[in-house]
């Protein structure tokens, strides 16, 4: 995912509405390794900007995914999670706590690992 200032320019170039709420979401996502859900982002954003709506969070995530700036992960945990890391990698999901982590393996190693 690009730096928040670059995302601001990209949104403008694509004719998308740019608001302080969206800029806050850009900052919360940039470099975020927790693979947050929309709901988790909403909670984090609400702490800094109490008036933000869940609809704004969902729409911003949808726009970022459509622009190729964010990956949407549909894991067995139920709600979608979002990953700003666009490098080639895989994910593992802890069935106990629901934590999602990035896993980097080359093709040869990947073929021999069960469960990935």
PDB file of N, CA and C in Angstrom:
ATOM      1  N   UNK A   1       0.842  -1.166   0.000  1.00  0.00           N
ATOM      2  CA  UNK A   1       0.000   0.000   0.000  1.00  0.00           C
ATOM      3  C   UNK A   1       0.890   1.232   0.000  1.00  0.00           C
ATOM      4  N   UNK A   2       0.476   2.198  -0.770  1.00  0.00           N
ATOM      5  CA  UNK A   2       1.243   3.435  -0.862  1.00  0.00           C
ATOM      6  C   UNK A   2       1.170   4.235   0.443  1.00  0.00           C
ATOM      7  N   UNK A   3       2.063   5.192   0.555  1.00  0.00           N
ATOM      8  CA  UNK A   3       2.062   6.117   1.679  1.00  0.00           C
ATOM      9  C   UNK A   3       0.739   6.896   1.672  1.00  0.00           C
ATOM     10  N   UNK A   4       0.225   7.287   2.841  1.00  0.00           N
ATOM     11  CA  UNK A   4      -1.047   8.022   2.889  1.00  0.00           C
ATOM     12  C   UNK A   4      -1.113   9.252   1.979  1.00  0.00           C
ATOM     13  N   UNK A   5      -0.028   9.987   1.840  1.00  0.00           N
ATOM     14  CA  UNK A   5      -0.039  11.164   0.951  1.00  0.00           C
ATOM     15  C   UNK A   5      -0.227  10.747  -0.506  1.00  0.00           C
ATOM     16  N   UNK A   6       0.374   9.628  -0.898  1.00  0.00           N
ATOM     17  CA  UNK A   6       0.209   9.125  -2.260  1.00  0.00           C
ATOM     18  C   UNK A   6      -1.206   8.599  -2.488  1.00  0.00           C
ATOM     19  N   UNK A   7      -1.790   7.998  -1.453  1.00  0.00           N
ATOM     20  CA  UNK A   7      -3.172   7.529  -1.568  1.00  0.00           C
ATOM     21  C   UNK A   7      -4.133   8.707  -1.738  1.00  0.00           C
ATOM     22  N   UNK A   8      -3.838   9.794  -1.044  1.00  0.00           N
ATOM     23  CA  UNK A   8      -4.647  11.002  -1.183  1.00  0.00           C
ATOM     24  C   UNK A   8      -4.654  11.455  -2.640  1.00  0.00           C
ATOM     25  N   UNK A   9      -3.483  11.497  -3.244  1.00  0.00           N
ATOM     26  CA  UNK A   9      -3.373  11.895  -4.651  1.00  0.00           C
ATOM     27  C   UNK A   9      -4.070  10.891  -5.561  1.00  0.00           C
ATOM     28  N   UNK A  10      -3.948   9.603  -5.265  1.00  0.00           N
ATOM     29  CA  UNK A  10      -4.582   8.568  -6.086  1.00  0.00           C
ATOM     30  C   UNK A  10      -6.105   8.664  -6.007  1.00  0.00           C
ATOM     31  N   UNK A  11      -6.636   8.928  -4.834  1.00  0.00           N
ATOM     32  CA  UNK A  11      -8.085   9.085  -4.692  1.00  0.00           C
ATOM     33  C   UNK A  11      -8.567  10.279  -5.516  1.00  0.00           C
ATOM     34  N   UNK A  12      -7.843  11.373  -5.417  1.00  0.00           N
ATOM     35  CA  UNK A  12      -8.216  12.555  -6.204  1.00  0.00           C
ATOM     36  C   UNK A  12      -8.156  12.254  -7.705  1.00  0.00           C
ATOM     37  N   UNK A  13      -7.098  11.583  -8.133  1.00  0.00           N
ATOM     38  CA  UNK A  13      -6.925  11.263  -9.555  1.00  0.00           C
ATOM     39  C   UNK A  13      -8.034  10.351 -10.072  1.00  0.00           C
ATOM     40  N   UNK A  14      -8.575   9.513  -9.196  1.00  0.00           N
ATOM     41  CA  UNK A  14      -9.653   8.604  -9.575  1.00  0.00           C
ATOM     42  C   UNK A  14     -11.035   9.209  -9.349  1.00  0.00           C
ATOM     43  N   UNK A  15     -11.070  10.469  -8.949  1.00  0.00           N
ATOM     44  CA  UNK A  15     -12.351  11.146  -8.744  1.00  0.00           C
ATOM     45  C   UNK A  15     -13.115  10.668  -7.528  1.00  0.00           C
ATOM     46  N   UNK A  16     -12.409  10.084  -6.565  1.00  0.00           N
ATOM     47  CA  UNK A  16     -13.051   9.591  -5.350  1.00  0.00           C
ATOM     48  C   UNK A  16     -13.066  10.675  -4.279  1.00  0.00           C
ATOM     49  N   UNK A  17     -14.103  10.669  -3.497  1.00  0.00           N
ATOM     50  CA  UNK A  17     -14.257  11.644  -2.429  1.00  0.00           C
ATOM     51  C   UNK A  17     -13.148  11.462  -1.390  1.00  0.00           C
ATOM     52  N   UNK A  18     -12.546  12.562  -0.999  1.00  0.00           N
ATOM     53  CA  UNK A  18     -11.475  12.522  -0.017  1.00  0.00           C
ATOM     54  C   UNK A  18     -11.914  13.302   1.215  1.00  0.00           C
ATOM     55  N   UNK A  19     -11.923  12.645   2.343  1.00  0.00           N
ATOM     56  CA  UNK A  19     -12.378  13.266   3.588  1.00  0.00           C
ATOM     57  C   UNK A  19     -11.327  13.039   4.676  1.00  0.00           C
ATOM     58  N   UNK A  20     -11.406  13.793   5.763  1.00  0.00           N
ATOM     59  CA  UNK A  20     -10.500  13.534   6.889  1.00  0.00           C
ATOM     60  C   UNK A  20     -10.646  12.112   7.435  1.00  0.00           C
ATOM     61  N   UNK A  21     -11.863  11.568   7.369  1.00  0.00           N
ATOM     62  CA  UNK A  21     -12.078  10.203   7.843  1.00  0.00           C
ATOM     63  C   UNK A  21     -11.297   9.201   6.980  1.00  0.00           C
ATOM     64  N   UNK A  22     -11.330   9.394   5.681  1.00  0.00           N
ATOM     65  CA  UNK A  22     -10.582   8.492   4.798  1.00  0.00           C
ATOM     66  C   UNK A  22      -9.080   8.642   5.013  1.00  0.00           C
ATOM     67  N   UNK A  23      -8.631   9.861   5.200  1.00  0.00           N
ATOM     68  CA  UNK A  23      -7.203  10.073   5.441  1.00  0.00           C
ATOM     69  C   UNK A  23      -6.763   9.402   6.742  1.00  0.00           C
ATOM     70  N   UNK A  24      -7.618   9.419   7.743  1.00  0.00           N
ATOM     71  CA  UNK A  24      -7.317   8.715   8.983  1.00  0.00           C
ATOM     72  C   UNK A  24      -7.195   7.212   8.715  1.00  0.00           C
ATOM     73  N   UNK A  25      -8.099   6.668   7.937  1.00  0.00           N
ATOM     74  CA  UNK A  25      -8.035   5.241   7.613  1.00  0.00           C
ATOM     75  C   UNK A  25      -6.772   4.898   6.839  1.00  0.00           C
ATOM     76  N   UNK A  26      -6.340   5.774   5.941  1.00  0.00           N
ATOM     77  CA  UNK A  26      -5.074   5.555   5.223  1.00  0.00           C
ATOM     78  C   UNK A  26      -3.937   5.417   6.229  1.00  0.00           C
ATOM     79  N   UNK A  27      -3.908   6.319   7.210  1.00  0.00           N
ATOM     80  CA  UNK A  27      -2.829   6.298   8.209  1.00  0.00           C
ATOM     81  C   UNK A  27      -2.907   5.039   9.079  1.00  0.00           C
ATOM     82  N   UNK A  28      -4.110   4.636   9.448  1.00  0.00           N
ATOM     83  CA  UNK A  28      -4.254   3.437  10.282  1.00  0.00           C
ATOM     84  C   UNK A  28      -3.849   2.162   9.538  1.00  0.00           C
ATOM     85  N   UNK A  29      -4.064   2.130   8.241  1.00  0.00           N
ATOM     86  CA  UNK A  29      -3.728   0.948   7.456  1.00  0.00           C
ATOM     87  C   UNK A  29      -2.263   0.884   7.042  1.00  0.00           C
ATOM     88  N   UNK A  30      -1.661   2.054   6.798  1.00  0.00           N
ATOM     89  CA  UNK A  30      -0.292   2.087   6.290  1.00  0.00           C
ATOM     90  C   UNK A  30       0.663   1.385   7.260  1.00  0.00           C
ATOM     91  N   UNK A  31       1.301   0.327   6.787  1.00  0.00           N
ATOM     92  CA  UNK A  31       2.257  -0.415   7.604  1.00  0.00           C
ATOM     93  C   UNK A  31       1.619  -1.299   8.664  1.00  0.00           C
ATOM     94  N   UNK A  32       0.305  -1.410   8.657  1.00  0.00           N
ATOM     95  CA  UNK A  32      -0.402  -2.215   9.648  1.00  0.00           C
ATOM     96  C   UNK A  32      -0.194  -3.694   9.330  1.00  0.00           C
ATOM     97  N   UNK A  33       0.323  -4.442  10.290  1.00  0.00           N
ATOM     98  CA  UNK A  33       0.589  -5.866  10.071  1.00  0.00           C
ATOM     99  C   UNK A  33      -0.409  -6.763  10.788  1.00  0.00           C
ATOM    100  N   UNK A  34      -1.457  -6.174  11.376  1.00  0.00           N
ATOM    101  CA  UNK A  34      -2.402  -6.974  12.158  1.00  0.00           C
ATOM    102  C   UNK A  34      -3.529  -7.576  11.332  1.00  0.00           C
ATOM    103  N   UNK A  35      -3.590  -7.257  10.034  1.00  0.00           N
ATOM    104  CA  UNK A  35      -4.658  -7.765   9.167  1.00  0.00           C
ATOM    105  C   UNK A  35      -6.023  -7.469   9.777  1.00  0.00           C
ATOM    106  N   UNK A  36      -6.323  -6.185   9.986  1.00  0.00           N
ATOM    107  CA  UNK A  36      -7.556  -5.835  10.696  1.00  0.00           C
ATOM    108  C   UNK A  36      -8.816  -6.121   9.888  1.00  0.00           C
ATOM    109  N   UNK A  37      -9.882  -6.333  10.602  1.00  0.00           N
ATOM    110  CA  UNK A  37     -11.211  -6.412   9.987  1.00  0.00           C
ATOM    111  C   UNK A  37     -11.739  -4.985   9.871  1.00  0.00           C
ATOM    112  N   UNK A  38     -12.815  -4.815   9.129  1.00  0.00           N
ATOM    113  CA  UNK A  38     -13.442  -3.494   9.028  1.00  0.00           C
ATOM    114  C   UNK A  38     -13.892  -3.026  10.407  1.00  0.00           C
ATOM    115  N   UNK A  39     -14.401  -3.940  11.192  1.00  0.00           N
ATOM    116  CA  UNK A  39     -14.880  -3.598  12.528  1.00  0.00           C
ATOM    117  C   UNK A  39     -13.743  -3.140  13.436  1.00  0.00           C
ATOM    118  N   UNK A  40     -12.594  -3.808  13.361  1.00  0.00           N
ATOM    119  CA  UNK A  40     -11.436  -3.412  14.166  1.00  0.00           C
ATOM    120  C   UNK A  40     -10.924  -2.041  13.741  1.00  0.00           C
ATOM    121  N   UNK A  41     -10.916  -1.784  12.431  1.00  0.00           N
ATOM    122  CA  UNK A  41     -10.512  -0.460  11.952  1.00  0.00           C
ATOM    123  C   UNK A  41     -11.481   0.612  12.423  1.00  0.00           C
ATOM    124  N   UNK A  42     -12.755   0.281  12.411  1.00  0.00           N
ATOM    125  CA  UNK A  42     -13.777   1.217  12.877  1.00  0.00           C
ATOM    126  C   UNK A  42     -13.543   1.592  14.342  1.00  0.00           C
ATOM    127  N   UNK A  43     -13.257   0.603  15.174  1.00  0.00           N
ATOM    128  CA  UNK A  43     -13.000   0.861  16.596  1.00  0.00           C
ATOM    129  C   UNK A  43     -11.771   1.751  16.754  1.00  0.00           C
ATOM    130  N   UNK A  44     -10.692   1.425  16.045  1.00  0.00           N
ATOM    131  CA  UNK A  44      -9.460   2.217  16.131  1.00  0.00           C
ATOM    132  C   UNK A  44      -9.686   3.637  15.626  1.00  0.00           C
ATOM    133  N   UNK A  45     -10.410   3.781  14.532  1.00  0.00           N
ATOM    134  CA  UNK A  45     -10.672   5.108  13.975  1.00  0.00           C
ATOM    135  C   UNK A  45     -11.584   5.917  14.890  1.00  0.00           C
ATOM    136  N   UNK A  46     -12.550   5.256  15.506  1.00  0.00           N
ATOM    137  CA  UNK A  46     -13.489   5.940  16.402  1.00  0.00           C
ATOM    138  C   UNK A  46     -12.799   6.539  17.619  1.00  0.00           C
ATOM    139  N   UNK A  47     -11.708   5.929  18.036  1.00  0.00           N
ATOM    140  CA  UNK A  47     -10.957   6.469  19.174  1.00  0.00           C
ATOM    141  C   UNK A  47     -10.354   7.823  18.835  1.00  0.00           C
ATOM    142  N   UNK A  48      -9.975   8.012  17.574  1.00  0.00           N
ATOM    143  CA  UNK A  48      -9.364   9.274  17.149  1.00  0.00           C
ATOM    144  C   UNK A  48     -10.376  10.238  16.542  1.00  0.00           C
ATOM    145  N   UNK A  49     -11.455   9.690  15.993  1.00  0.00           N
ATOM    146  CA  UNK A  49     -12.461  10.507  15.311  1.00  0.00           C
ATOM    147  C   UNK A  49     -13.837   9.894  15.622  1.00  0.00           C
ATOM    148  N   UNK A  50     -14.418  10.269  16.756  1.00  0.00           N
ATOM    149  CA  UNK A  50     -15.669   9.628  17.192  1.00  0.00           C
ATOM    150  C   UNK A  50     -16.825   9.680  16.193  1.00  0.00           C
ATOM    151  N   UNK A  51     -16.846  10.618  15.281  1.00  0.00           N
ATOM    152  CA  UNK A  51     -17.954  10.723  14.342  1.00  0.00           C
ATOM    153  C   UNK A  51     -17.854   9.855  13.105  1.00  0.00           C
ATOM    154  N   UNK A  52     -16.803   9.080  12.962  1.00  0.00           N
ATOM    155  CA  UNK A  52     -16.641   8.260  11.757  1.00  0.00           C
ATOM    156  C   UNK A  52     -17.710   7.167  11.720  1.00  0.00           C
ATOM    157  N   UNK A  53     -18.190   6.851  10.532  1.00  0.00           N
ATOM    158  CA  UNK A  53     -19.224   5.818  10.418  1.00  0.00           C
ATOM    159  C   UNK A  53     -18.617   4.509   9.917  1.00  0.00           C
ATOM    160  N   UNK A  54     -19.265   3.419  10.269  1.00  0.00           N
ATOM    161  CA  UNK A  54     -18.837   2.111   9.791  1.00  0.00           C
ATOM    162  C   UNK A  54     -18.978   2.043   8.268  1.00  0.00           C
ATOM    163  N   UNK A  55     -19.976   2.714   7.730  1.00  0.00           N
ATOM    164  CA  UNK A  55     -20.169   2.753   6.277  1.00  0.00           C
ATOM    165  C   UNK A  55     -18.958   3.387   5.586  1.00  0.00           C
ATOM    166  N   UNK A  56     -18.404   4.458   6.163  1.00  0.00           N
ATOM    167  CA  UNK A  56     -17.216   5.103   5.604  1.00  0.00           C
ATOM    168  C   UNK A  56     -16.034   4.137   5.606  1.00  0.00           C
ATOM    169  N   UNK A  57     -15.901   3.381   6.686  1.00  0.00           N
ATOM    170  CA  UNK A  57     -14.819   2.398   6.766  1.00  0.00           C
ATOM    171  C   UNK A  57     -14.977   1.359   5.656  1.00  0.00           C
ATOM    172  N   UNK A  58     -16.165   0.794   5.531  1.00  0.00           N
ATOM    173  CA  UNK A  58     -16.396  -0.218   4.496  1.00  0.00           C
ATOM    174  C   UNK A  58     -16.180   0.346   3.095  1.00  0.00           C
ATOM    175  N   UNK A  59     -16.676   1.542   2.828  1.00  0.00           N
ATOM    176  CA  UNK A  59     -16.535   2.121   1.488  1.00  0.00           C
ATOM    177  C   UNK A  59     -15.070   2.408   1.164  1.00  0.00           C
ATOM    178  N   UNK A  60     -14.333   2.908   2.140  1.00  0.00           N
ATOM    179  CA  UNK A  60     -12.915   3.189   1.924  1.00  0.00           C
ATOM    180  C   UNK A  60     -12.143   1.903   1.653  1.00  0.00           C
ATOM    181  N   UNK A  61     -12.429   0.853   2.411  1.00  0.00           N
ATOM    182  CA  UNK A  61     -11.779  -0.438   2.183  1.00  0.00           C
ATOM    183  C   UNK A  61     -12.123  -0.977   0.796  1.00  0.00           C
ATOM    184  N   UNK A  62     -13.376  -0.872   0.411  1.00  0.00           N
ATOM    185  CA  UNK A  62     -13.806  -1.319  -0.915  1.00  0.00           C
ATOM    186  C   UNK A  62     -13.063  -0.567  -2.004  1.00  0.00           C
ATOM    187  N   UNK A  63     -12.938   0.749  -1.852  1.00  0.00           N
ATOM    188  CA  UNK A  63     -12.234   1.558  -2.845  1.00  0.00           C
ATOM    189  C   UNK A  63     -10.756   1.190  -2.915  1.00  0.00           C
ATOM    190  N   UNK A  64     -10.124   0.985  -1.762  1.00  0.00           N
ATOM    191  CA  UNK A  64      -8.702   0.625  -1.739  1.00  0.00           C
ATOM    192  C   UNK A  64      -8.458  -0.739  -2.383  1.00  0.00           C
ATOM    193  N   UNK A  65      -9.342  -1.688  -2.134  1.00  0.00           N
ATOM    194  CA  UNK A  65      -9.219  -3.010  -2.766  1.00  0.00           C
ATOM    195  C   UNK A  65      -9.381  -2.869  -4.280  1.00  0.00           C
ATOM    196  N   UNK A  66     -10.373  -2.106  -4.709  1.00  0.00           N
ATOM    197  CA  UNK A  66     -10.619  -1.916  -6.147  1.00  0.00           C
ATOM    198  C   UNK A  66      -9.441  -1.232  -6.842  1.00  0.00           C
ATOM    199  N   UNK A  67      -8.742  -0.364  -6.124  1.00  0.00           N
ATOM    200  CA  UNK A  67      -7.586   0.336  -6.676  1.00  0.00           C
ATOM    201  C   UNK A  67      -6.318  -0.521  -6.636  1.00  0.00           C
ATOM    202  N   UNK A  68      -6.383  -1.686  -6.012  1.00  0.00           N
ATOM    203  CA  UNK A  68      -5.211  -2.555  -5.903  1.00  0.00           C
ATOM    204  C   UNK A  68      -4.246  -2.131  -4.816  1.00  0.00           C
ATOM    205  N   UNK A  69      -4.721  -1.342  -3.866  1.00  0.00           N
ATOM    206  CA  UNK A  69      -3.872  -0.845  -2.780  1.00  0.00           C
ATOM    207  C   UNK A  69      -3.971  -1.687  -1.516  1.00  0.00           C
ATOM    208  N   UNK A  70      -4.895  -2.634  -1.509  1.00  0.00           N
ATOM    209  CA  UNK A  70      -5.176  -3.398  -0.306  1.00  0.00           C
ATOM    210  C   UNK A  70      -5.676  -4.772  -0.726  1.00  0.00           C
ATOM    211  N   UNK A  71      -5.269  -5.793   0.007  1.00  0.00           N
ATOM    212  CA  UNK A  71      -5.770  -7.143  -0.246  1.00  0.00           C
ATOM    213  C   UNK A  71      -6.898  -7.442   0.729  1.00  0.00           C
ATOM    214  N   UNK A  72      -7.970  -8.008   0.228  1.00  0.00           N
ATOM    215  CA  UNK A  72      -9.036  -8.485   1.096  1.00  0.00           C
ATOM    216  C   UNK A  72      -8.834  -9.968   1.292  1.00  0.00           C
ATOM    217  N   UNK A  73      -8.763 -10.394   2.544  1.00  0.00           N
ATOM    218  CA  UNK A  73      -8.565 -11.799   2.883  1.00  0.00           C
ATOM    219  C   UNK A  73      -9.876 -12.371   3.388  1.00  0.00           C
ATOM    220  N   UNK A  74     -10.378 -13.363   2.710  1.00  0.00           N
ATOM    221  CA  UNK A  74     -11.602 -14.029   3.149  1.00  0.00           C
ATOM    222  C   UNK A  74     -11.198 -15.343   3.800  1.00  0.00           C
ATOM    223  N   UNK A  75     -10.995 -15.282   5.090  1.00  0.00           N
ATOM    224  CA  UNK A  75     -10.515 -16.427   5.848  1.00  0.00           C
ATOM    225  C   UNK A  75     -11.683 -17.139   6.520  1.00  0.00           C
ATOM    226  N   UNK A  76     -11.415 -18.301   7.030  1.00  0.00           N
ATOM    227  CA  UNK A  76     -12.468 -19.087   7.664  1.00  0.00           C
ATOM    228  C   UNK A  76     -12.940 -18.470   8.978  1.00  0.00           C
ATOM    229  N   UNK A  77     -12.325 -17.363   9.393  1.00  0.00           N
ATOM    230  CA  UNK A  77     -12.686 -16.740  10.666  1.00  0.00           C
ATOM    231  C   UNK A  77     -14.012 -15.993  10.618  1.00  0.00           C
ATOM    232  N   UNK A  78     -14.588 -15.849   9.447  1.00  0.00           N
ATOM    233  CA  UNK A  78     -15.883 -15.173   9.349  1.00  0.00           C
ATOM    234  C   UNK A  78     -15.794 -13.854   8.627  1.00  0.00           C
ATOM    235  N   UNK A  79     -15.376 -12.805   9.313  1.00  0.00           N
ATOM    236  CA  UNK A  79     -15.332 -11.496   8.663  1.00  0.00           C
ATOM    237  C   UNK A  79     -14.040 -11.334   7.870  1.00  0.00           C
ATOM    238  N   UNK A  80     -14.142 -10.566   6.793  1.00  0.00           N
ATOM    239  CA  UNK A  80     -12.971 -10.313   5.946  1.00  0.00           C
ATOM    240  C   UNK A  80     -11.918  -9.558   6.733  1.00  0.00           C
ATOM    241  N   UNK A  81     -10.671  -9.819   6.409  1.00  0.00           N
ATOM    242  CA  UNK A  81      -9.543  -9.100   6.994  1.00  0.00           C
ATOM    243  C   UNK A  81      -8.837  -8.402   5.843  1.00  0.00           C
ATOM    244  N   UNK A  82      -8.060  -7.368   6.151  1.00  0.00           N
ATOM    245  CA  UNK A  82      -7.440  -6.552   5.123  1.00  0.00           C
ATOM    246  C   UNK A  82      -5.946  -6.446   5.361  1.00  0.00           C
ATOM    247  N   UNK A  83      -5.198  -6.524   4.259  1.00  0.00           N
ATOM    248  CA  UNK A  83      -3.743  -6.544   4.322  1.00  0.00           C
ATOM    249  C   UNK A  83      -3.171  -5.491   3.374  1.00  0.00           C
ATOM    250  N   UNK A  84      -2.475  -4.483   3.924  1.00  0.00           N
ATOM    251  CA  UNK A  84      -1.846  -3.482   3.065  1.00  0.00           C
ATOM    252  C   UNK A  84      -0.526  -3.946   2.458  1.00  0.00           C
ATOM    253  N   UNK A  85      -0.043  -5.109   2.876  1.00  0.00           N
ATOM    254  CA  UNK A  85       1.207  -5.646   2.355  1.00  0.00           C
ATOM    255  C   UNK A  85       0.924  -6.319   1.015  1.00  0.00           C
ATOM    256  N   UNK A  86       1.396  -5.710  -0.053  1.00  0.00           N
ATOM    257  CA  UNK A  86       1.135  -6.232  -1.392  1.00  0.00           C
ATOM    258  C   UNK A  86       2.264  -7.109  -1.920  1.00  0.00           C
ATOM    259  N   UNK A  87       3.306  -7.340  -1.104  1.00  0.00           N
ATOM    260  CA  UNK A  87       4.379  -8.249  -1.500  1.00  0.00           C
ATOM    261  C   UNK A  87       3.824  -9.660  -1.611  1.00  0.00           C
ATOM    262  N   UNK A  88       4.491 -10.499  -2.396  1.00  0.00           N
ATOM    263  CA  UNK A  88       4.072 -11.894  -2.558  1.00  0.00           C
ATOM    264  C   UNK A  88       4.286 -12.629  -1.236  1.00  0.00           C
ATOM    265  N   UNK A  89       3.202 -13.117  -0.665  1.00  0.00           N
ATOM    266  CA  UNK A  89       3.291 -13.857   0.585  1.00  0.00           C
ATOM    267  C   UNK A  89       1.993 -14.626   0.815  1.00  0.00           C
ATOM    268  N   UNK A  90       2.003 -15.444   1.848  1.00  0.00           N
ATOM    269  CA  UNK A  90       0.849 -16.251   2.239  1.00  0.00           C
ATOM    270  C   UNK A  90       0.436 -15.835   3.642  1.00  0.00           C
ATOM    271  N   UNK A  91      -0.639 -16.427   4.122  1.00  0.00           N
ATOM    272  CA  UNK A  91      -1.136 -16.103   5.454  1.00  0.00           C
ATOM    273  C   UNK A  91      -1.421 -17.371   6.237  1.00  0.00           C
ATOM    274  N   UNK A  92      -1.217 -17.282   7.536  1.00  0.00           N
ATOM    275  CA  UNK A  92      -1.642 -18.352   8.434  1.00  0.00           C
ATOM    276  C   UNK A  92      -2.589 -17.725   9.446  1.00  0.00           C
ATOM    277  N   UNK A  93      -3.596 -18.477   9.824  1.00  0.00           N
ATOM    278  CA  UNK A  93      -4.623 -18.037  10.754  1.00  0.00           C
ATOM    279  C   UNK A  93      -4.580 -18.929  11.980  1.00  0.00           C
ATOM    280  N   UNK A  94      -4.436 -18.322  13.144  1.00  0.00           N
ATOM    281  CA  UNK A  94      -4.459 -19.083  14.392  1.00  0.00           C
ATOM    282  C   UNK A  94      -5.916 -19.427  14.696  1.00  0.00           C
ATOM    283  N   UNK A  95      -6.197 -20.705  14.796  1.00  0.00           N
ATOM    284  CA  UNK A  95      -7.568 -21.128  15.067  1.00  0.00           C
ATOM    285  C   UNK A  95      -7.976 -20.841  16.510  1.00  0.00           C
ATOM    286  N   UNK A  96      -7.005 -20.572  17.374  1.00  0.00           N
ATOM    287  CA  UNK A  96      -7.309 -20.283  18.769  1.00  0.00           C
ATOM    288  C   UNK A  96      -7.681 -18.833  19.020  1.00  0.00           C
ATOM    289  N   UNK A  97      -6.827 -17.905  18.543  1.00  0.00           N
ATOM    290  CA  UNK A  97      -7.043 -16.481  18.842  1.00  0.00           C
ATOM    291  C   UNK A  97      -7.489 -15.667  17.633  1.00  0.00           C
ATOM    292  N   UNK A  98      -7.405 -16.238  16.434  1.00  0.00           N
ATOM    293  CA  UNK A  98      -7.826 -15.521  15.237  1.00  0.00           C
ATOM    294  C   UNK A  98      -6.776 -14.612  14.634  1.00  0.00           C
ATOM    295  N   UNK A  99      -5.572 -14.617  15.195  1.00  0.00           N
ATOM    296  CA  UNK A  99      -4.496 -13.776  14.661  1.00  0.00           C
ATOM    297  C   UNK A  99      -4.087 -14.278  13.272  1.00  0.00           C
ATOM    298  N   UNK A 100      -3.817 -13.320  12.388  1.00  0.00           N
ATOM    299  CA  UNK A 100      -3.359 -13.641  11.035  1.00  0.00           C
ATOM    300  C   UNK A 100      -1.929 -13.136  10.906  1.00  0.00           C
ATOM    301  N   UNK A 101      -1.076 -13.976  10.357  1.00  0.00           N
ATOM    302  CA  UNK A 101       0.323 -13.582  10.159  1.00  0.00           C
ATOM    303  C   UNK A 101       0.737 -13.818   8.722  1.00  0.00           C
ATOM    304  N   UNK A 102       1.676 -12.984   8.278  1.00  0.00           N
ATOM    305  CA  UNK A 102       2.269 -13.150   6.963  1.00  0.00           C
ATOM    306  C   UNK A 102       3.309 -14.262   7.027  1.00  0.00           C
ATOM    307  N   UNK A 103       3.374 -15.046   5.956  1.00  0.00           N
ATOM    308  CA  UNK A 103       4.364 -16.117   5.846  1.00  0.00           C
ATOM    309  C   UNK A 103       5.025 -15.986   4.487  1.00  0.00           C
ATOM    310  N   UNK A 104       6.350 -15.929   4.509  1.00  0.00           N
ATOM    311  CA  UNK A 104       7.119 -15.835   3.269  1.00  0.00           C
ATOM    312  C   UNK A 104       7.841 -17.153   3.051  1.00  0.00           C
ATOM    313  N   UNK A 105       7.495 -17.836   1.974  1.00  0.00           N
ATOM    314  CA  UNK A 105       8.176 -19.081   1.612  1.00  0.00           C
ATOM    315  C   UNK A 105       8.364 -19.081   0.105  1.00  0.00           C
ATOM    316  N   UNK A 106       9.458 -19.688  -0.341  1.00  0.00           N
ATOM    317  CA  UNK A 106       9.614 -19.779  -1.789  1.00  0.00           C
ATOM    318  C   UNK A 106       8.800 -20.963  -2.296  1.00  0.00           C
ATOM    319  N   UNK A 107       8.623 -21.048  -3.585  1.00  0.00           N
ATOM    320  CA  UNK A 107       7.775 -22.072  -4.197  1.00  0.00           C
ATOM    321  C   UNK A 107       8.148 -23.484  -3.831  1.00  0.00           C
ATOM    322  N   UNK A 108       9.440 -23.769  -3.771  1.00  0.00           N
ATOM    323  CA  UNK A 108       9.880 -25.127  -3.475  1.00  0.00           C
ATOM    324  C   UNK A 108       9.516 -25.509  -2.044  1.00  0.00           C
ATOM    325  N   UNK A 109       9.720 -24.598  -1.110  1.00  0.00           N
ATOM    326  CA  UNK A 109       9.374 -24.887   0.281  1.00  0.00           C
ATOM    327  C   UNK A 109       7.872 -25.016   0.442  1.00  0.00           C
ATOM    328  N   UNK A 110       7.132 -24.156  -0.239  1.00  0.00           N
ATOM    329  CA  UNK A 110       5.672 -24.133  -0.125  1.00  0.00           C
ATOM    330  C   UNK A 110       5.066 -25.479  -0.503  1.00  0.00           C
ATOM    331  N   UNK A 111       5.626 -26.123  -1.508  1.00  0.00           N
ATOM    332  CA  UNK A 111       5.065 -27.387  -1.979  1.00  0.00           C
ATOM    333  C   UNK A 111       5.155 -28.478  -0.920  1.00  0.00           C
ATOM    334  N   UNK A 112       6.085 -28.371   0.008  1.00  0.00           N
ATOM    335  CA  UNK A 112       6.246 -29.411   1.008  1.00  0.00           C
ATOM    336  C   UNK A 112       5.620 -29.111   2.349  1.00  0.00           C
ATOM    337  N   UNK A 113       4.947 -27.981   2.491  1.00  0.00           N
ATOM    338  CA  UNK A 113       4.363 -27.607   3.775  1.00  0.00           C
ATOM    339  C   UNK A 113       2.873 -27.877   3.744  1.00  0.00           C
ATOM    340  N   UNK A 114       2.437 -28.743   4.631  1.00  0.00           N
ATOM    341  CA  UNK A 114       1.014 -29.075   4.675  1.00  0.00           C
ATOM    342  C   UNK A 114       0.255 -27.999   5.458  1.00  0.00           C
ATOM    343  N   UNK A 115      -0.906 -27.643   4.972  1.00  0.00           N
ATOM    344  CA  UNK A 115      -1.753 -26.699   5.694  1.00  0.00           C
ATOM    345  C   UNK A 115      -1.624 -25.261   5.250  1.00  0.00           C
ATOM    346  N   UNK A 116      -0.709 -24.929   4.348  1.00  0.00           N
ATOM    347  CA  UNK A 116      -0.583 -23.551   3.869  1.00  0.00           C
ATOM    348  C   UNK A 116      -1.372 -23.371   2.602  1.00  0.00           C
TER     349      UNK A 116
END
